[in-house]
Amino acid sequence: GYVYQAMFKNILASPDLIGVASGANAGVAVAIVLASGSAFLVPVFAF
């Protein structure tokens, strides 16, 4: 968060700002709904 705020010169910058949170959430949704949703696949797809 500190780095994002410095890079974007924006006091509201956070890990959500450039889509990392939404992308990880989408990856988890794919793992759970379309794949087996195993304990191994969920973190891999989130990353």
All heavy atoms as atom14 arrays in JSON, in Angstrom:
{
  "sequence": "GYVYQAMFKNILASPDLIGVASGANAGVAVAIVLASGSAFLVPVFAF",
  "atom14_mask": [
    [1, 1, 1, 1, 0, 0, 0, 0, 0, 0, 0, 0, 0, 0],
    [1, 1, 1, 1, 1, 1, 1, 1, 1, 1, 1, 1, 0, 0],
    [1, 1, 1, 1, 1, 1, 1, 0, 0, 0, 0, 0, 0, 0],
    [1, 1, 1, 1, 1, 1, 1, 1, 1, 1, 1, 1, 0, 0],
    [1, 1, 1, 1, 1, 1, 1, 1, 1, 0, 0, 0, 0, 0],
    [1, 1, 1, 1, 1, 0, 0, 0, 0, 0, 0, 0, 0, 0],
    [1, 1, 1, 1, 1, 1, 1, 1, 0, 0, 0, 0, 0, 0],
    [1, 1, 1, 1, 1, 1, 1, 1, 1, 1, 1, 0, 0, 0],
    [1, 1, 1, 1, 1, 1, 1, 1, 1, 0, 0, 0, 0, 0],
    [1, 1, 1, 1, 1, 1, 1, 1, 0, 0, 0, 0, 0, 0],
    [1, 1, 1, 1, 1, 1, 1, 1, 0, 0, 0, 0, 0, 0],
    [1, 1, 1, 1, 1, 1, 1, 1, 0, 0, 0, 0, 0, 0],
    [1, 1, 1, 1, 1, 0, 0, 0, 0, 0, 0, 0, 0, 0],
    [1, 1, 1, 1, 1, 1, 0, 0, 0, 0, 0, 0, 0, 0],
    [1, 1, 1, 1, 1, 1, 1, 0, 0, 0, 0, 0, 0, 0],
    [1, 1, 1, 1, 1, 1, 1, 1, 0, 0, 0, 0, 0, 0],
    [1, 1, 1, 1, 1, 1, 1, 1, 0, 0, 0, 0, 0, 0],
    [1, 1, 1, 1, 1, 1, 1, 1, 0, 0, 0, 0, 0, 0],
    [1, 1, 1, 1, 0, 0, 0, 0, 0, 0, 0, 0, 0, 0],
    [1, 1, 1, 1, 1, 1, 1, 0, 0, 0, 0, 0, 0, 0],
    [1, 1, 1, 1, 1, 0, 0, 0, 0, 0, 0, 0, 0, 0],
    [1, 1, 1, 1, 1, 1, 0, 0, 0, 0, 0, 0, 0, 0],
    [1, 1, 1, 1, 0, 0, 0, 0, 0, 0, 0, 0, 0, 0],
    [1, 1, 1, 1, 1, 0, 0, 0, 0, 0, 0, 0, 0, 0],
    [1, 1, 1, 1, 1, 1, 1, 1, 0, 0, 0, 0, 0, 0],
    [1, 1, 1, 1, 1, 0, 0, 0, 0, 0, 0, 0, 0, 0],
    [1, 1, 1, 1, 0, 0, 0, 0, 0, 0, 0, 0, 0, 0],
    [1, 1, 1, 1, 1, 1, 1, 0, 0, 0, 0, 0, 0, 0],
    [1, 1, 1, 1, 1, 0, 0, 0, 0, 0, 0, 0, 0, 0],
    [1, 1, 1, 1, 1, 1, 1, 0, 0, 0, 0, 0, 0, 0],
    [1, 1, 1, 1, 1, 0, 0, 0, 0, 0, 0, 0, 0, 0],
    [1, 1, 1, 1, 1, 1, 1, 1, 0, 0, 0, 0, 0, 0],
    [1, 1, 1, 1, 1, 1, 1, 0, 0, 0, 0, 0, 0, 0],
    [1, 1, 1, 1, 1, 1, 1, 1, 0, 0, 0, 0, 0, 0],
    [1, 1, 1, 1, 1, 0, 0, 0, 0, 0, 0, 0, 0, 0],
    [1, 1, 1, 1, 1, 1, 0, 0, 0, 0, 0, 0, 0, 0],
    [1, 1, 1, 1, 0, 0, 0, 0, 0, 0, 0, 0, 0, 0],
    [1, 1, 1, 1, 1, 1, 0, 0, 0, 0, 0, 0, 0, 0],
    [1, 1, 1, 1, 1, 0, 0, 0, 0, 0, 0, 0, 0, 0],
    [1, 1, 1, 1, 1, 1, 1, 1, 1, 1, 1, 0, 0, 0],
    [1, 1, 1, 1, 1, 1, 1, 1, 0, 0, 0, 0, 0, 0],
    [1, 1, 1, 1, 1, 1, 1, 0, 0, 0, 0, 0, 0, 0],
    [1, 1, 1, 1, 1, 1, 1, 0, 0, 0, 0, 0, 0, 0],
    [1, 1, 1, 1, 1, 1, 1, 0, 0, 0, 0, 0, 0, 0],
    [1, 1, 1, 1, 1, 1, 1, 1, 1, 1, 1, 0, 0, 0],
    [1, 1, 1, 1, 1, 0, 0, 0, 0, 0, 0, 0, 0, 0],
    [1, 1, 1, 1, 1, 1, 1, 1, 1, 1, 1, 0, 0, 0]
  ],
  "atom14_positions": [
    [[0.81, -1.21, 0.0], [0.0, 0.0, 0.0], [0.85, 1.25, 0.0], [0.56, 2.23, -0.72], [0.0, 0.0, 0.0], [0.0, 0.0, 0.0], [0.0, 0.0, 0.0], [0.0, 0.0, 0.0], [0.0, 0.0, 0.0], [0.0, 0.0, 0.0], [0.0, 0.0, 0.0], [0.0, 0.0, 0.0], [0.0, 0.0, 0.0], [0.0, 0.0, 0.0]],
    [[1.91, 1.27, 0.79], [2.82, 2.41, 0.81], [3.44, 2.64, -0.56], [3.52, 3.77, -1.05], [3.93, 2.17, 1.85], [4.94, 3.28, 1.92], [4.76, 4.37, 2.76], [6.09, 3.26, 1.13], [5.68, 5.4, 2.82], [7.01, 4.29, 1.17], [6.81, 5.35, 2.02], [7.73, 6.37, 2.06], [0.0, 0.0, 0.0], [0.0, 0.0, 0.0]],
    [[3.86, 1.54, -1.2], [4.49, 1.65, -2.52], [3.48, 2.15, -3.56], [3.79, 3.03, -4.37], [5.07, 0.28, -2.93], [5.46, 0.29, -4.4], [6.27, -0.06, -2.06], [0.0, 0.0, 0.0], [0.0, 0.0, 0.0], [0.0, 0.0, 0.0], [0.0, 0.0, 0.0], [0.0, 0.0, 0.0], [0.0, 0.0, 0.0], [0.0, 0.0, 0.0]],
    [[2.26, 1.61, -3.54], [1.25, 2.06, -4.49], [0.97, 3.56, -4.32], [0.84, 4.3, -5.29], [-0.05, 1.28, -4.3], [-0.02, -0.14, -4.8], [-0.61, -1.17, -4.07], [0.6, -0.48, -6.0], [-0.58, -2.48, -4.51], [0.63, -1.78, -6.45], [0.05, -2.78, -5.7], [0.07, -4.08, -6.15], [0.0, 0.0, 0.0], [0.0, 0.0, 0.0]],
    [[0.86, 4.01, -3.09], [0.59, 5.42, -2.84], [1.73, 6.3, -3.35], [1.5, 7.39, -3.88], [0.34, 5.65, -1.35], [-0.97, 5.07, -0.87], [-1.11, 5.09, 0.63], [-0.4, 5.81, 1.32], [-2.02, 4.27, 1.16], [0.0, 0.0, 0.0], [0.0, 0.0, 0.0], [0.0, 0.0, 0.0], [0.0, 0.0, 0.0], [0.0, 0.0, 0.0]],
    [[2.96, 5.83, -3.19], [4.11, 6.59, -3.69], [4.16, 6.58, -5.22], [4.43, 7.61, -5.84], [5.41, 6.01, -3.12], [0.0, 0.0, 0.0], [0.0, 0.0, 0.0], [0.0, 0.0, 0.0], [0.0, 0.0, 0.0], [0.0, 0.0, 0.0], [0.0, 0.0, 0.0], [0.0, 0.0, 0.0], [0.0, 0.0, 0.0], [0.0, 0.0, 0.0]],
    [[3.88, 5.41, -5.82], [3.96, 5.3, -7.27], [2.87, 6.11, -7.97], [3.1, 6.75, -9.0], [3.85, 3.83, -7.7], [5.03, 2.96, -7.31], [6.61, 3.48, -8.01], [7.29, 4.42, -6.62], [0.0, 0.0, 0.0], [0.0, 0.0, 0.0], [0.0, 0.0, 0.0], [0.0, 0.0, 0.0], [0.0, 0.0, 0.0], [0.0, 0.0, 0.0]],
    [[1.65, 6.07, -7.43], [0.52, 6.75, -8.06], [0.31, 8.16, -7.53], [-0.57, 8.87, -8.02], [-0.75, 5.94, -7.87], [-0.72, 4.59, -8.54], [-0.82, 3.43, -7.8], [-0.55, 4.49, -9.9], [-0.78, 2.19, -8.4], [-0.49, 3.25, -10.52], [-0.61, 2.1, -9.76], [0.0, 0.0, 0.0], [0.0, 0.0, 0.0], [0.0, 0.0, 0.0]],
    [[1.11, 8.55, -6.5], [0.96, 9.86, -5.87], [-0.5, 10.1, -5.49], [-1.07, 11.17, -5.71], [1.45, 10.97, -6.81], [2.93, 10.85, -7.17], [3.36, 11.97, -8.09], [4.85, 11.91, -8.36], [5.25, 10.72, -9.13], [0.0, 0.0, 0.0], [0.0, 0.0, 0.0], [0.0, 0.0, 0.0], [0.0, 0.0, 0.0], [0.0, 0.0, 0.0]],
    [[-1.11, 9.07, -4.93], [-2.53, 9.1, -4.6], [-2.68, 8.56, -3.19], [-2.29, 7.42, -2.9], [-3.3, 8.22, -5.6], [-4.81, 8.34, -5.42], [-5.29, 8.48, -4.3], [-5.53, 8.26, -6.52], [0.0, 0.0, 0.0], [0.0, 0.0, 0.0], [0.0, 0.0, 0.0], [0.0, 0.0, 0.0], [0.0, 0.0, 0.0], [0.0, 0.0, 0.0]],
    [[-3.25, 9.36, -2.3], [-3.35, 8.96, -0.89], [-4.37, 7.86, -0.67], [-4.41, 7.26, 0.41], [-3.69, 10.17, 0.01], [-5.09, 10.67, -0.31], [-2.66, 11.25, -0.11], [-5.6, 11.72, 0.66], [0.0, 0.0, 0.0], [0.0, 0.0, 0.0], [0.0, 0.0, 0.0], [0.0, 0.0, 0.0], [0.0, 0.0, 0.0], [0.0, 0.0, 0.0]],
    [[-5.19, 7.55, -1.67], [-6.17, 6.48, -1.55], [-5.76, 5.22, -2.29], [-6.54, 4.28, -2.4], [-7.54, 6.96, -2.06], [-8.16, 8.14, -1.31], [-9.52, 8.48, -1.89], [-8.26, 7.84, 0.17], [0.0, 0.0, 0.0], [0.0, 0.0, 0.0], [0.0, 0.0, 0.0], [0.0, 0.0, 0.0], [0.0, 0.0, 0.0], [0.0, 0.0, 0.0]],
    [[-4.53, 5.2, -2.79], [-4.06, 4.02, -3.5], [-3.88, 2.87, -2.51], [-3.43, 3.06, -1.39], [-2.73, 4.31, -4.2], [0.0, 0.0, 0.0], [0.0, 0.0, 0.0], [0.0, 0.0, 0.0], [0.0, 0.0, 0.0], [0.0, 0.0, 0.0], [0.0, 0.0, 0.0], [0.0, 0.0, 0.0], [0.0, 0.0, 0.0], [0.0, 0.0, 0.0]],
    [[-4.26, 1.68, -2.95], [-4.17, 0.49, -2.12], [-4.07, -0.71, -3.05], [-4.18, -0.56, -4.28], [-5.39, 0.37, -1.21], [-6.54, 0.07, -1.97], [0.0, 0.0, 0.0], [0.0, 0.0, 0.0], [0.0, 0.0, 0.0], [0.0, 0.0, 0.0], [0.0, 0.0, 0.0], [0.0, 0.0, 0.0], [0.0, 0.0, 0.0], [0.0, 0.0, 0.0]],
    [[-3.87, -1.92, -2.51], [-3.81, -3.09, -3.39], [-5.05, -3.31, -4.25], [-4.99, -4.06, -5.23], [-3.62, -4.25, -2.4], [-2.88, -3.63, -1.27], [-3.45, -2.24, -1.14], [0.0, 0.0, 0.0], [0.0, 0.0, 0.0], [0.0, 0.0, 0.0], [0.0, 0.0, 0.0], [0.0, 0.0, 0.0], [0.0, 0.0, 0.0], [0.0, 0.0, 0.0]],
    [[-6.16, -2.67, -3.9], [-7.38, -2.81, -4.72], [-7.34, -1.94, -5.97], [-8.1, -2.16, -6.91], [-8.62, -2.4, -3.91], [-8.78, -3.25, -2.67], [-8.15, -4.32, -2.6], [-9.52, -2.83, -1.77], [0.0, 0.0, 0.0], [0.0, 0.0, 0.0], [0.0, 0.0, 0.0], [0.0, 0.0, 0.0], [0.0, 0.0, 0.0], [0.0, 0.0, 0.0]],
    [[-6.46, -0.93, -5.97], [-6.55, 0.14, -6.97], [-6.35, -0.35, -8.39], [-7.04, 0.08, -9.31], [-5.53, 1.24, -6.64], [-5.57, 2.46, -7.56], [-6.86, 3.24, -7.33], [-4.38, 3.36, -7.34], [0.0, 0.0, 0.0], [0.0, 0.0, 0.0], [0.0, 0.0, 0.0], [0.0, 0.0, 0.0], [0.0, 0.0, 0.0], [0.0, 0.0, 0.0]],
    [[-5.39, -1.25, -8.61], [-5.09, -1.66, -9.98], [-5.59, -3.07, -10.28], [-5.09, -3.73, -11.18], [-3.59, -1.54, -10.29], [-2.77, -2.34, -9.3], [-3.15, -0.1, -10.3], [-1.29, -2.35, -9.64], [0.0, 0.0, 0.0], [0.0, 0.0, 0.0], [0.0, 0.0, 0.0], [0.0, 0.0, 0.0], [0.0, 0.0, 0.0], [0.0, 0.0, 0.0]],
    [[-6.56, -3.52, -9.5], [-7.28, -4.73, -9.85], [-6.76, -6.02, -9.27], [-7.29, -7.1, -9.57], [0.0, 0.0, 0.0], [0.0, 0.0, 0.0], [0.0, 0.0, 0.0], [0.0, 0.0, 0.0], [0.0, 0.0, 0.0], [0.0, 0.0, 0.0], [0.0, 0.0, 0.0], [0.0, 0.0, 0.0], [0.0, 0.0, 0.0], [0.0, 0.0, 0.0]],
    [[-5.72, -5.98, -8.41], [-5.17, -7.22, -7.9], [-6.18, -7.98, -7.05], [-6.29, -9.21, -7.14], [-3.86, -6.97, -7.11], [-4.08, -6.03, -5.95], [-3.26, -8.27, -6.63], [0.0, 0.0, 0.0], [0.0, 0.0, 0.0], [0.0, 0.0, 0.0], [0.0, 0.0, 0.0], [0.0, 0.0, 0.0], [0.0, 0.0, 0.0], [0.0, 0.0, 0.0]],
    [[-6.95, -7.26, -6.23], [-7.94, -7.92, -5.38], [-9.05, -8.55, -6.22], [-9.44, -9.7, -6.0], [-8.51, -6.93, -4.37], [0.0, 0.0, 0.0], [0.0, 0.0, 0.0], [0.0, 0.0, 0.0], [0.0, 0.0, 0.0], [0.0, 0.0, 0.0], [0.0, 0.0, 0.0], [0.0, 0.0, 0.0], [0.0, 0.0, 0.0], [0.0, 0.0, 0.0]],
    [[-9.56, -7.79, -7.18], [-10.63, -8.31, -8.04], [-10.14, -9.48, -8.88], [-10.86, -10.46, -9.09], [-11.16, -7.2, -8.95], [-11.72, -6.15, -8.2], [0.0, 0.0, 0.0], [0.0, 0.0, 0.0], [0.0, 0.0, 0.0], [0.0, 0.0, 0.0], [0.0, 0.0, 0.0], [0.0, 0.0, 0.0], [0.0, 0.0, 0.0], [0.0, 0.0, 0.0]],
    [[-8.89, -9.4, -9.36], [-8.34, -10.5, -10.14], [-8.18, -11.76, -9.32], [-8.49, -12.86, -9.78], [0.0, 0.0, 0.0], [0.0, 0.0, 0.0], [0.0, 0.0, 0.0], [0.0, 0.0, 0.0], [0.0, 0.0, 0.0], [0.0, 0.0, 0.0], [0.0, 0.0, 0.0], [0.0, 0.0, 0.0], [0.0, 0.0, 0.0], [0.0, 0.0, 0.0]],
    [[-7.7, -11.6, -8.07], [-7.57, -12.76, -7.19], [-8.93, -13.37, -6.88], [-9.09, -14.59, -6.85], [-6.85, -12.36, -5.9], [0.0, 0.0, 0.0], [0.0, 0.0, 0.0], [0.0, 0.0, 0.0], [0.0, 0.0, 0.0], [0.0, 0.0, 0.0], [0.0, 0.0, 0.0], [0.0, 0.0, 0.0], [0.0, 0.0, 0.0], [0.0, 0.0, 0.0]],
    [[-9.91, -12.5, -6.66], [-11.26, -12.97, -6.37], [-11.84, -13.74, -7.57], [-12.47, -14.79, -7.4], [-12.15, -11.78, -6.03], [-13.38, -12.18, -5.24], [-13.45, -13.28, -4.69], [-14.37, -11.31, -5.19], [0.0, 0.0, 0.0], [0.0, 0.0, 0.0], [0.0, 0.0, 0.0], [0.0, 0.0, 0.0], [0.0, 0.0, 0.0], [0.0, 0.0, 0.0]],
    [[-11.58, -13.23, -8.77], [-12.04, -13.93, -9.98], [-11.34, -15.28, -10.12], [-11.96, -16.28, -10.51], [-11.78, -13.07, -11.21], [0.0, 0.0, 0.0], [0.0, 0.0, 0.0], [0.0, 0.0, 0.0], [0.0, 0.0, 0.0], [0.0, 0.0, 0.0], [0.0, 0.0, 0.0], [0.0, 0.0, 0.0], [0.0, 0.0, 0.0], [0.0, 0.0, 0.0]],
    [[-10.04, -15.32, -9.8], [-9.32, -16.58, -9.86], [-9.89, -17.61, -8.91], [-10.03, -18.79, -9.26], [0.0, 0.0, 0.0], [0.0, 0.0, 0.0], [0.0, 0.0, 0.0], [0.0, 0.0, 0.0], [0.0, 0.0, 0.0], [0.0, 0.0, 0.0], [0.0, 0.0, 0.0], [0.0, 0.0, 0.0], [0.0, 0.0, 0.0], [0.0, 0.0, 0.0]],
    [[-10.24, -17.19, -7.71], [-10.84, -18.1, -6.73], [-12.2, -18.59, -7.23], [-12.54, -19.77, -7.08], [-10.98, -17.4, -5.37], [-11.83, -18.22, -4.41], [-9.61, -17.17, -4.76], [0.0, 0.0, 0.0], [0.0, 0.0, 0.0], [0.0, 0.0, 0.0], [0.0, 0.0, 0.0], [0.0, 0.0, 0.0], [0.0, 0.0, 0.0], [0.0, 0.0, 0.0]],
    [[-12.99, -17.69, -7.81], [-14.29, -18.09, -8.33], [-14.15, -19.14, -9.42], [-14.92, -20.12, -9.47], [-15.04, -16.86, -8.86], [0.0, 0.0, 0.0], [0.0, 0.0, 0.0], [0.0, 0.0, 0.0], [0.0, 0.0, 0.0], [0.0, 0.0, 0.0], [0.0, 0.0, 0.0], [0.0, 0.0, 0.0], [0.0, 0.0, 0.0], [0.0, 0.0, 0.0]],
    [[-13.18, -18.97, -10.29], [-12.94, -19.96, -11.35], [-12.54, -21.29, -10.73], [-13.02, -22.36, -11.14], [-11.84, -19.46, -12.32], [-11.42, -20.59, -13.27], [-12.34, -18.26, -13.1], [0.0, 0.0, 0.0], [0.0, 0.0, 0.0], [0.0, 0.0, 0.0], [0.0, 0.0, 0.0], [0.0, 0.0, 0.0], [0.0, 0.0, 0.0], [0.0, 0.0, 0.0]],
    [[-11.65, -21.24, -9.72], [-11.19, -22.48, -9.09], [-12.32, -23.23, -8.4], [-12.41, -24.46, -8.48], [-10.08, -22.17, -8.08], [0.0, 0.0, 0.0], [0.0, 0.0, 0.0], [0.0, 0.0, 0.0], [0.0, 0.0, 0.0], [0.0, 0.0, 0.0], [0.0, 0.0, 0.0], [0.0, 0.0, 0.0], [0.0, 0.0, 0.0], [0.0, 0.0, 0.0]],
    [[-13.21, -22.5, -7.74], [-14.28, -23.13, -6.96], [-15.42, -23.61, -7.86], [-15.93, -24.73, -7.69], [-14.81, -22.16, -5.89], [-13.74, -21.93, -4.83], [-16.08, -22.71, -5.24], [-14.12, -20.9, -3.78], [0.0, 0.0, 0.0], [0.0, 0.0, 0.0], [0.0, 0.0, 0.0], [0.0, 0.0, 0.0], [0.0, 0.0, 0.0], [0.0, 0.0, 0.0]],
    [[-15.8, -22.8, -8.83], [-16.98, -23.12, -9.63], [-16.65, -24.01, -10.83], [-17.38, -24.96, -11.12], [-17.67, -21.81, -10.12], [-18.88, -22.15, -10.99], [-18.1, -20.97, -8.93], [0.0, 0.0, 0.0], [0.0, 0.0, 0.0], [0.0, 0.0, 0.0], [0.0, 0.0, 0.0], [0.0, 0.0, 0.0], [0.0, 0.0, 0.0], [0.0, 0.0, 0.0]],
    [[-15.54, -23.71, -11.51], [-15.24, -24.44, -12.74], [-14.22, -25.56, -12.53], [-14.18, -26.5, -13.32], [-14.71, -23.47, -13.8], [-15.68, -22.36, -14.21], [-15.06, -21.5, -15.31], [-17.01, -22.92, -14.66], [0.0, 0.0, 0.0], [0.0, 0.0, 0.0], [0.0, 0.0, 0.0], [0.0, 0.0, 0.0], [0.0, 0.0, 0.0], [0.0, 0.0, 0.0]],
    [[-13.4, -25.44, -11.5], [-12.45, -26.51, -11.19], [-12.92, -27.23, -9.93], [-14.04, -27.07, -9.48], [-11.04, -25.95, -11.03], [0.0, 0.0, 0.0], [0.0, 0.0, 0.0], [0.0, 0.0, 0.0], [0.0, 0.0, 0.0], [0.0, 0.0, 0.0], [0.0, 0.0, 0.0], [0.0, 0.0, 0.0], [0.0, 0.0, 0.0], [0.0, 0.0, 0.0]],
    [[-12.04, -28.0, -9.35], [-12.45, -28.8, -8.2], [-12.56, -27.98, -6.92], [-13.18, -28.42, -5.95], [-11.45, -29.93, -7.98], [-10.16, -29.41, -7.67], [0.0, 0.0, 0.0], [0.0, 0.0, 0.0], [0.0, 0.0, 0.0], [0.0, 0.0, 0.0], [0.0, 0.0, 0.0], [0.0, 0.0, 0.0], [0.0, 0.0, 0.0], [0.0, 0.0, 0.0]],
    [[-11.94, -26.79, -6.89], [-11.98, -25.97, -5.69], [-11.19, -26.57, -4.55], [-11.5, -26.35, -3.38], [0.0, 0.0, 0.0], [0.0, 0.0, 0.0], [0.0, 0.0, 0.0], [0.0, 0.0, 0.0], [0.0, 0.0, 0.0], [0.0, 0.0, 0.0], [0.0, 0.0, 0.0], [0.0, 0.0, 0.0], [0.0, 0.0, 0.0], [0.0, 0.0, 0.0]],
    [[-10.13, -27.31, -4.88], [-9.35, -27.98, -3.85], [-8.49, -26.97, -3.09], [-8.3, -25.83, -3.51], [-8.44, -29.04, -4.49], [-7.46, -28.43, -5.3], [0.0, 0.0, 0.0], [0.0, 0.0, 0.0], [0.0, 0.0, 0.0], [0.0, 0.0, 0.0], [0.0, 0.0, 0.0], [0.0, 0.0, 0.0], [0.0, 0.0, 0.0], [0.0, 0.0, 0.0]],
    [[-7.96, -27.42, -1.96], [-7.11, -26.56, -1.14], [-5.85, -26.15, -1.88], [-5.24, -25.13, -1.56], [-6.74, -27.28, 0.15], [0.0, 0.0, 0.0], [0.0, 0.0, 0.0], [0.0, 0.0, 0.0], [0.0, 0.0, 0.0], [0.0, 0.0, 0.0], [0.0, 0.0, 0.0], [0.0, 0.0, 0.0], [0.0, 0.0, 0.0], [0.0, 0.0, 0.0]],
    [[-5.45, -26.92, -2.89], [-4.28, -26.57, -3.69], [-4.62, -25.57, -4.79], [-3.89, -24.6, -5.03], [-3.66, -27.82, -4.29], [-2.58, -27.54, -5.3], [-1.31, -27.15, -4.9], [-2.84, -27.66, -6.67], [-0.32, -26.87, -5.83], [-1.85, -27.39, -7.61], [-0.59, -27.0, -7.18], [0.0, 0.0, 0.0], [0.0, 0.0, 0.0], [0.0, 0.0, 0.0]],
    [[-5.74, -25.8, -5.49], [-6.08, -24.96, -6.65], [-6.49, -23.55, -6.26], [-6.2, -22.6, -6.99], [-7.19, -25.63, -7.45], [-6.8, -26.82, -8.33], [-8.02, -27.36, -9.05], [-5.72, -26.42, -9.32], [0.0, 0.0, 0.0], [0.0, 0.0, 0.0], [0.0, 0.0, 0.0], [0.0, 0.0, 0.0], [0.0, 0.0, 0.0], [0.0, 0.0, 0.0]],
    [[-7.19, -23.38, -5.16], [-7.71, -22.06, -4.79], [-6.59, -21.03, -4.64], [-6.64, -19.96, -5.26], [-8.58, -22.14, -3.52], [-8.86, -20.74, -2.97], [-9.89, -22.85, -3.83], [0.0, 0.0, 0.0], [0.0, 0.0, 0.0], [0.0, 0.0, 0.0], [0.0, 0.0, 0.0], [0.0, 0.0, 0.0], [0.0, 0.0, 0.0], [0.0, 0.0, 0.0]],
    [[-5.55, -21.27, -3.85], [-4.48, -20.27, -3.77], [-3.73, -20.06, -5.08], [-3.31, -18.94, -5.4], [-3.56, -20.81, -2.67], [-3.89, -22.24, -2.52], [-5.32, -22.37, -2.89], [0.0, 0.0, 0.0], [0.0, 0.0, 0.0], [0.0, 0.0, 0.0], [0.0, 0.0, 0.0], [0.0, 0.0, 0.0], [0.0, 0.0, 0.0], [0.0, 0.0, 0.0]],
    [[-3.55, -21.14, -5.85], [-2.86, -21.01, -7.14], [-3.65, -20.11, -8.08], [-3.1, -19.19, -8.7], [-2.64, -22.4, -7.77], [-2.14, -22.26, -9.2], [-1.64, -23.21, -6.94], [0.0, 0.0, 0.0], [0.0, 0.0, 0.0], [0.0, 0.0, 0.0], [0.0, 0.0, 0.0], [0.0, 0.0, 0.0], [0.0, 0.0, 0.0], [0.0, 0.0, 0.0]],
    [[-4.95, -20.35, -8.19], [-5.79, -19.54, -9.07], [-5.91, -18.1, -8.55], [-6.0, -17.15, -9.35], [-7.17, -20.17, -9.22], [-7.26, -21.2, -10.3], [-6.53, -22.38, -10.22], [-8.07, -21.01, -11.41], [-6.59, -23.34, -11.21], [-8.15, -21.97, -12.42], [-7.4, -23.13, -12.31], [0.0, 0.0, 0.0], [0.0, 0.0, 0.0], [0.0, 0.0, 0.0]],
    [[-5.92, -17.93, -7.24], [-5.98, -16.58, -6.68], [-4.73, -15.79, -7.04], [-4.8, -14.63, -7.46], [-6.14, -16.65, -5.16], [0.0, 0.0, 0.0], [0.0, 0.0, 0.0], [0.0, 0.0, 0.0], [0.0, 0.0, 0.0], [0.0, 0.0, 0.0], [0.0, 0.0, 0.0], [0.0, 0.0, 0.0], [0.0, 0.0, 0.0], [0.0, 0.0, 0.0]],
    [[-3.57, -16.41, -6.9], [-2.31, -15.76, -7.26], [-2.28, -15.41, -8.74], [-1.95, -14.29, -9.13], [-1.13, -16.66, -6.89], [0.21, -16.07, -7.23], [0.82, -15.18, -6.36], [0.84, -16.4, -8.42], [2.06, -14.64, -6.68], [2.07, -15.86, -8.74], [2.69, -14.97, -7.87], [0.0, 0.0, 0.0], [0.0, 0.0, 0.0], [0.0, 0.0, 0.0]]
  ]
}
